Amino acid sequence: MVTPLRSDGGTRRYTESHLKRFQLLGAAVDAGHRISDLVELDQAILAQLAGTVRTRAVDRQASNRKGEYVTLDPRSVTEAIGYAKELDATNVERCLGIQYRLLGASTFRTHFCRVLLTRVGTLWEQGEISMATEHLLSAALKSLLLRTFDASSTAANAPKVVFTTPDDEQHELGLLIAAGVAADAGAEVINLGPQLPADVVGRAVLKQHPFALALSMVNVPLGTQRAYVRRLRNILPDPIQIWLGGADARNDIAGCEVLGLEEMAARIREVVAVRASATS
């Protein structure tokens, strides 16, 4: 935690830097963080945590797991948006990186990103942020979310799940968040990226023979969704499941099903467990 200097007689001697670290550790513990979670963190992150309250998650996914906590920094979203308004990409990336390290990949995706994107959407509707601000934040988030795939590894019996969006869907962040959740649950994620025609997706899926195709529907009209799924269902064999997710995903479209993030993760974990038991 803190390694003091020693005098010739063996007396501990603490520098001003040591004392500052003790103060930050004490403030973070008083805010409700476990000392075991703090000892390896550097000064910058401890300073962030010193004013952070550790509290129960209020999002639906986390509240389904009793006793699970997430670290909520009431300043973090405001700070990131503030730097984005100034088009300060370096500090936006710094803010997001700190939250990623504090929360871990899973909670960063399912909680922090949800809160940030909801706030950005509200500010956009109110005309309080520019297109440049929104694009800068999206680019920084996309870069961070993509890096999480580089560090992930999958088991040999992992179910393949292909992720993409219809050609009318321009929002990619929801796709990346869902793909990250699937990877955490044990899937082999194949991310085709956004805005692909159904024929292109169908051919790619046939080559991969995945367990499921996951489509992100954030801003896609119902008629477009139906036509897109119908085209895919005509191309793909019935055993390949089609999952829809996102704010606009409709559960009254034949040939597919709507899954929330936690439902999707549970489905994948179930398949992983079945395949593992079959090979043991």
Protein backbone atom coordinates (compact mmCIF):
# COMPACT_ATOMS: atom_id res chain seq x y z
CA MET A 1 0.00 0.00 0.00
CA VAL A 2 2.65 2.52 1.16
CA THR A 3 6.31 1.60 1.63
CA PRO A 4 7.97 4.07 4.01
CA LEU A 5 11.59 5.12 3.98
CA ARG A 6 13.77 3.94 6.85
CA SER A 7 16.30 5.83 8.91
CA ASP A 8 19.61 4.24 9.88
CA GLY A 9 17.97 3.23 13.13
CA GLY A 10 15.03 1.60 11.39
CA THR A 11 12.47 4.33 12.08
CA ARG A 12 9.76 4.70 9.46
CA ARG A 13 9.81 8.01 7.60
CA TYR A 14 6.91 9.14 5.43
CA THR A 15 7.17 11.71 2.68
CA GLU A 16 4.52 14.25 1.76
CA SER A 17 3.51 11.95 -1.12
CA HIS A 18 3.00 9.08 1.36
CA LEU A 19 0.79 11.25 3.55
CA LYS A 20 -1.27 12.36 0.57
CA ARG A 21 -1.83 8.72 -0.38
CA PHE A 22 -2.94 7.90 3.17
CA GLN A 23 -5.45 10.76 2.97
CA LEU A 24 -6.83 9.55 -0.36
CA LEU A 25 -7.07 5.97 0.87
CA GLY A 26 -8.90 7.10 3.99
CA ALA A 27 -11.33 9.23 1.99
CA ALA A 28 -12.04 6.37 -0.42
CA VAL A 29 -12.63 3.92 2.44
CA ASP A 30 -14.94 6.44 4.14
CA ALA A 31 -16.89 6.63 0.87
CA GLY A 32 -17.53 2.89 1.14
CA HIS A 33 -14.80 1.30 -1.00
CA ARG A 34 -12.98 -1.80 0.21
CA ILE A 35 -9.32 -1.27 1.05
CA SER A 36 -8.47 -4.46 -0.88
CA ASP A 37 -9.84 -2.78 -4.04
CA LEU A 38 -7.71 0.32 -3.50
CA VAL A 39 -4.20 -0.74 -2.60
CA GLU A 40 -2.96 -1.26 -6.19
CA LEU A 41 -4.52 1.91 -7.64
CA ASP A 42 -2.45 4.92 -8.56
CA GLN A 43 -2.90 8.43 -7.15
CA ALA A 44 -5.02 9.74 -10.01
CA ILE A 45 -7.63 6.99 -9.65
CA LEU A 46 -7.62 7.25 -5.85
CA ALA A 47 -8.33 10.96 -6.20
CA GLN A 48 -11.36 10.10 -8.35
CA LEU A 49 -12.59 7.56 -5.81
CA ALA A 50 -12.13 9.84 -2.83
CA GLY A 51 -15.34 11.66 -3.78
CA THR A 52 -17.21 8.62 -5.10
CA VAL A 53 -20.00 6.91 -3.22
CA ARG A 54 -20.17 3.14 -3.54
CA THR A 55 -23.84 2.25 -3.79
CA ARG A 56 -26.25 -0.33 -5.13
CA ALA A 57 -26.76 -0.37 -8.85
CA VAL A 58 -30.09 0.99 -10.01
CA ASP A 59 -30.00 -0.41 -13.52
CA ARG A 60 -32.17 -3.41 -14.28
CA GLN A 61 -29.39 -5.84 -15.07
CA ALA A 62 -27.41 -5.20 -11.89
CA SER A 63 -30.48 -5.12 -9.66
CA ASN A 64 -31.26 -8.68 -10.72
CA ARG A 65 -28.10 -9.82 -8.94
CA LYS A 66 -28.67 -9.27 -5.25
CA GLY A 67 -25.82 -7.81 -3.29
CA GLU A 68 -23.85 -6.71 -6.35
CA TYR A 69 -22.49 -3.20 -6.22
CA VAL A 70 -21.15 -0.83 -8.80
CA THR A 71 -19.09 2.29 -8.24
CA LEU A 72 -21.00 5.38 -9.26
CA ASP A 73 -19.09 8.62 -9.69
CA PRO A 74 -21.65 11.42 -9.99
CA ARG A 75 -19.02 13.64 -11.61
CA SER A 76 -17.67 11.22 -14.20
CA VAL A 77 -20.38 11.55 -16.87
CA THR A 78 -20.60 15.32 -16.46
CA GLU A 79 -16.82 15.61 -16.69
CA ALA A 80 -16.57 13.52 -19.86
CA ILE A 81 -19.35 15.50 -21.55
CA GLY A 82 -17.77 18.77 -20.44
CA TYR A 83 -14.47 17.92 -22.10
CA ALA A 84 -16.31 16.71 -25.19
CA LYS A 85 -18.08 20.07 -25.46
CA GLU A 86 -14.62 21.65 -25.52
CA LEU A 87 -13.58 19.09 -28.17
CA ASP A 88 -10.79 17.99 -25.83
CA ALA A 89 -10.35 14.41 -27.05
CA THR A 90 -7.36 13.69 -24.79
CA ASN A 91 -9.26 14.40 -21.59
CA VAL A 92 -12.41 12.64 -22.82
CA GLU A 93 -10.33 9.50 -23.37
CA ARG A 94 -8.67 9.97 -19.97
CA CYS A 95 -12.04 10.25 -18.19
CA LEU A 96 -13.44 7.19 -19.94
CA GLY A 97 -10.26 5.23 -19.30
CA ILE A 98 -10.39 5.96 -15.56
CA GLN A 99 -13.98 4.77 -15.33
CA TYR A 100 -13.14 1.66 -17.35
CA ARG A 101 -10.35 0.78 -14.93
CA LEU A 102 -12.43 1.53 -11.86
CA LEU A 103 -15.54 -0.35 -12.91
CA GLY A 104 -14.11 -3.16 -15.00
CA ALA A 105 -15.14 -3.96 -18.56
CA SER A 106 -18.51 -5.53 -17.76
CA THR A 107 -19.92 -2.79 -15.51
CA PHE A 108 -18.42 -0.08 -17.71
CA ARG A 109 -20.37 -1.45 -20.66
CA THR A 110 -23.69 -2.22 -18.97
CA HIS A 111 -23.89 0.69 -16.53
CA PHE A 112 -21.57 3.59 -17.26
CA CYS A 113 -22.12 3.56 -21.03
CA ARG A 114 -25.88 3.37 -20.55
CA VAL A 115 -25.88 6.39 -18.23
CA LEU A 116 -23.54 8.37 -20.48
CA LEU A 117 -25.44 7.63 -23.69
CA THR A 118 -28.79 8.42 -22.05
CA ARG A 119 -27.43 11.78 -20.87
CA VAL A 120 -25.97 12.56 -24.29
CA GLY A 121 -29.28 11.66 -25.96
CA THR A 122 -31.18 13.97 -23.62
CA LEU A 123 -28.77 16.84 -24.20
CA TRP A 124 -28.96 16.28 -27.96
CA GLU A 125 -32.76 16.46 -27.91
CA GLN A 126 -32.56 19.67 -25.88
CA GLY A 127 -30.08 21.20 -28.33
CA GLU A 128 -27.40 21.55 -25.64
CA ILE A 129 -24.63 19.65 -27.41
CA SER A 130 -23.34 19.88 -30.95
CA MET A 131 -22.95 17.14 -33.52
CA ALA A 132 -19.17 17.43 -33.11
CA THR A 133 -19.49 16.81 -29.36
CA GLU A 134 -21.67 13.74 -29.89
CA HIS A 135 -19.32 12.33 -32.53
CA LEU A 136 -16.23 12.89 -30.39
CA LEU A 137 -17.77 11.02 -27.44
CA SER A 138 -18.97 8.22 -29.69
CA ALA A 139 -15.54 7.84 -31.27
CA ALA A 140 -13.82 7.69 -27.88
CA LEU A 141 -16.30 5.13 -26.56
CA LYS A 142 -16.04 3.03 -29.71
CA SER A 143 -12.24 2.94 -29.46
CA LEU A 144 -12.39 1.82 -25.82
CA LEU A 145 -15.09 -0.79 -26.38
CA LEU A 146 -13.23 -2.27 -29.34
CA ARG A 147 -10.08 -2.66 -27.23
CA THR A 148 -11.96 -4.95 -24.86
CA PHE A 149 -12.31 -7.51 -27.66
CA ASP A 150 -8.56 -7.55 -28.21
CA ALA A 151 -8.05 -8.72 -24.61
CA SER A 152 -10.76 -11.38 -24.67
CA SER A 153 -10.27 -15.09 -25.30
CA THR A 154 -12.81 -17.83 -25.94
CA ALA A 155 -12.99 -21.53 -25.16
CA ALA A 156 -12.87 -24.13 -27.91
CA ASN A 157 -16.55 -24.99 -27.42
CA ALA A 158 -17.75 -21.38 -27.27
CA PRO A 159 -20.93 -20.68 -29.26
CA LYS A 160 -20.41 -18.28 -32.16
CA VAL A 161 -22.60 -15.18 -32.21
CA VAL A 162 -22.47 -12.80 -35.18
CA PHE A 163 -23.24 -9.13 -34.47
CA THR A 164 -24.31 -6.46 -36.95
CA THR A 165 -27.04 -3.90 -37.68
CA PRO A 166 -29.40 -3.36 -40.64
CA ASP A 167 -28.24 -1.02 -43.35
CA ASP A 168 -30.61 1.68 -42.05
CA GLU A 169 -29.13 1.58 -38.52
CA GLN A 170 -26.34 4.09 -37.95
CA HIS A 171 -25.83 3.55 -34.21
CA GLU A 172 -22.89 1.25 -33.51
CA LEU A 173 -22.29 1.71 -29.78
CA GLY A 174 -25.24 -0.44 -28.73
CA LEU A 175 -23.90 -3.17 -31.00
CA LEU A 176 -20.46 -3.01 -29.37
CA ILE A 177 -21.91 -3.04 -25.86
CA ALA A 178 -24.01 -6.12 -26.63
CA ALA A 179 -21.07 -7.87 -28.30
CA GLY A 180 -18.95 -7.21 -25.23
CA VAL A 181 -21.60 -8.66 -22.94
CA ALA A 182 -21.76 -11.75 -25.15
CA ALA A 183 -17.97 -12.15 -25.01
CA ASP A 184 -18.06 -11.87 -21.21
CA ALA A 185 -20.68 -14.63 -21.13
CA GLY A 186 -18.38 -16.95 -23.08
CA ALA A 187 -19.39 -16.47 -26.72
CA GLU A 188 -17.05 -16.31 -29.66
CA VAL A 189 -18.03 -12.90 -30.99
CA ILE A 190 -17.88 -12.14 -34.71
CA ASN A 191 -18.49 -8.42 -35.11
CA LEU A 192 -19.34 -7.51 -38.71
CA GLY A 193 -19.88 -3.86 -37.83
CA PRO A 194 -22.96 -1.75 -38.63
CA GLN A 195 -25.11 -0.99 -41.65
CA LEU A 196 -24.98 -4.18 -43.70
CA PRO A 197 -27.63 -5.31 -46.21
CA ALA A 198 -29.47 -8.52 -45.32
CA ASP A 199 -28.01 -10.44 -48.28
CA VAL A 200 -24.46 -9.59 -47.22
CA VAL A 201 -25.16 -10.62 -43.62
CA GLY A 202 -26.83 -13.82 -44.75
CA ARG A 203 -23.84 -14.91 -46.83
CA ALA A 204 -21.41 -14.13 -44.00
CA VAL A 205 -23.48 -16.04 -41.47
CA LEU A 206 -23.73 -19.10 -43.73
CA LYS A 207 -19.92 -19.19 -43.91
CA GLN A 208 -19.53 -19.02 -40.13
CA HIS A 209 -22.33 -21.40 -39.06
CA PRO A 210 -22.93 -19.53 -35.77
CA PHE A 211 -25.27 -20.38 -32.94
CA ALA A 212 -27.03 -17.02 -33.35
CA LEU A 213 -27.15 -13.76 -35.28
CA ALA A 214 -27.63 -10.69 -33.08
CA LEU A 215 -29.02 -7.49 -34.60
CA SER A 216 -28.97 -4.10 -32.88
CA MET A 217 -32.13 -2.04 -33.50
CA VAL A 218 -31.78 1.42 -31.99
CA ASN A 219 -33.49 3.50 -34.63
CA VAL A 220 -35.10 1.20 -37.21
CA PRO A 221 -38.78 1.45 -38.26
CA LEU A 222 -40.96 -1.59 -37.65
CA GLY A 223 -41.57 -2.22 -41.34
CA THR A 224 -37.85 -2.17 -42.06
CA GLN A 225 -37.18 -4.59 -39.20
CA ARG A 226 -39.79 -7.03 -40.48
CA ALA A 227 -38.49 -6.95 -44.04
CA TYR A 228 -34.89 -7.35 -42.89
CA VAL A 229 -35.62 -10.31 -40.62
CA ARG A 230 -37.86 -11.92 -43.25
CA ARG A 231 -35.05 -11.71 -45.81
CA LEU A 232 -32.55 -13.23 -43.36
CA ARG A 233 -34.93 -15.97 -42.32
CA ASN A 234 -35.33 -16.96 -45.98
CA ILE A 235 -31.54 -17.26 -46.29
CA LEU A 236 -30.58 -18.86 -42.96
CA PRO A 237 -31.46 -22.37 -41.74
CA ASP A 238 -33.89 -22.54 -38.81
CA PRO A 239 -31.32 -23.75 -36.24
CA ILE A 240 -29.51 -20.39 -36.44
CA GLN A 241 -31.32 -18.14 -33.98
CA ILE A 242 -31.89 -14.45 -34.74
CA TRP A 243 -31.81 -12.12 -31.73
CA LEU A 244 -32.94 -8.50 -31.73
CA GLY A 245 -31.84 -5.94 -29.17
CA GLY A 246 -31.92 -2.19 -28.71
CA ALA A 247 -34.45 0.53 -28.01
CA ASP A 248 -36.51 -0.07 -31.16
CA ALA A 249 -36.40 -3.89 -31.16
CA ARG A 250 -39.93 -5.29 -31.61
CA ASN A 251 -41.07 -8.60 -30.18
CA ASP A 252 -43.89 -9.15 -32.70
CA ILE A 253 -41.69 -10.07 -35.66
CA ALA A 254 -41.83 -13.68 -36.80
CA GLY A 255 -38.62 -15.68 -37.03
CA CYS A 256 -36.68 -13.93 -34.27
CA GLU A 257 -36.83 -13.01 -30.60
CA VAL A 258 -36.01 -9.92 -28.57
CA LEU A 259 -33.41 -10.42 -25.83
CA GLY A 260 -32.16 -7.95 -23.25
CA LEU A 261 -28.47 -7.96 -22.38
CA GLU A 262 -28.90 -10.15 -19.31
CA GLU A 263 -31.22 -12.56 -21.16
CA MET A 264 -28.69 -12.85 -23.96
CA ALA A 265 -25.85 -13.49 -21.52
CA ALA A 266 -27.90 -16.15 -19.72
CA ARG A 267 -28.68 -17.89 -23.03
CA ILE A 268 -25.00 -17.96 -23.95
CA ARG A 269 -23.90 -19.20 -20.52
CA GLU A 270 -26.45 -22.01 -20.76
CA VAL A 271 -25.10 -23.13 -24.14
CA VAL A 272 -21.51 -22.95 -22.84
CA ALA A 273 -22.44 -25.09 -19.83
CA VAL A 274 -24.22 -27.70 -21.97
CA ARG A 275 -21.30 -27.96 -24.39
CA ALA A 276 -18.78 -28.17 -21.55
CA SER A 277 -20.68 -31.01 -19.86
CA ALA A 278 -20.98 -32.85 -23.17
CA THR A 279 -17.22 -32.83 -23.66
CA SER A 280 -16.26 -33.65 -20.05
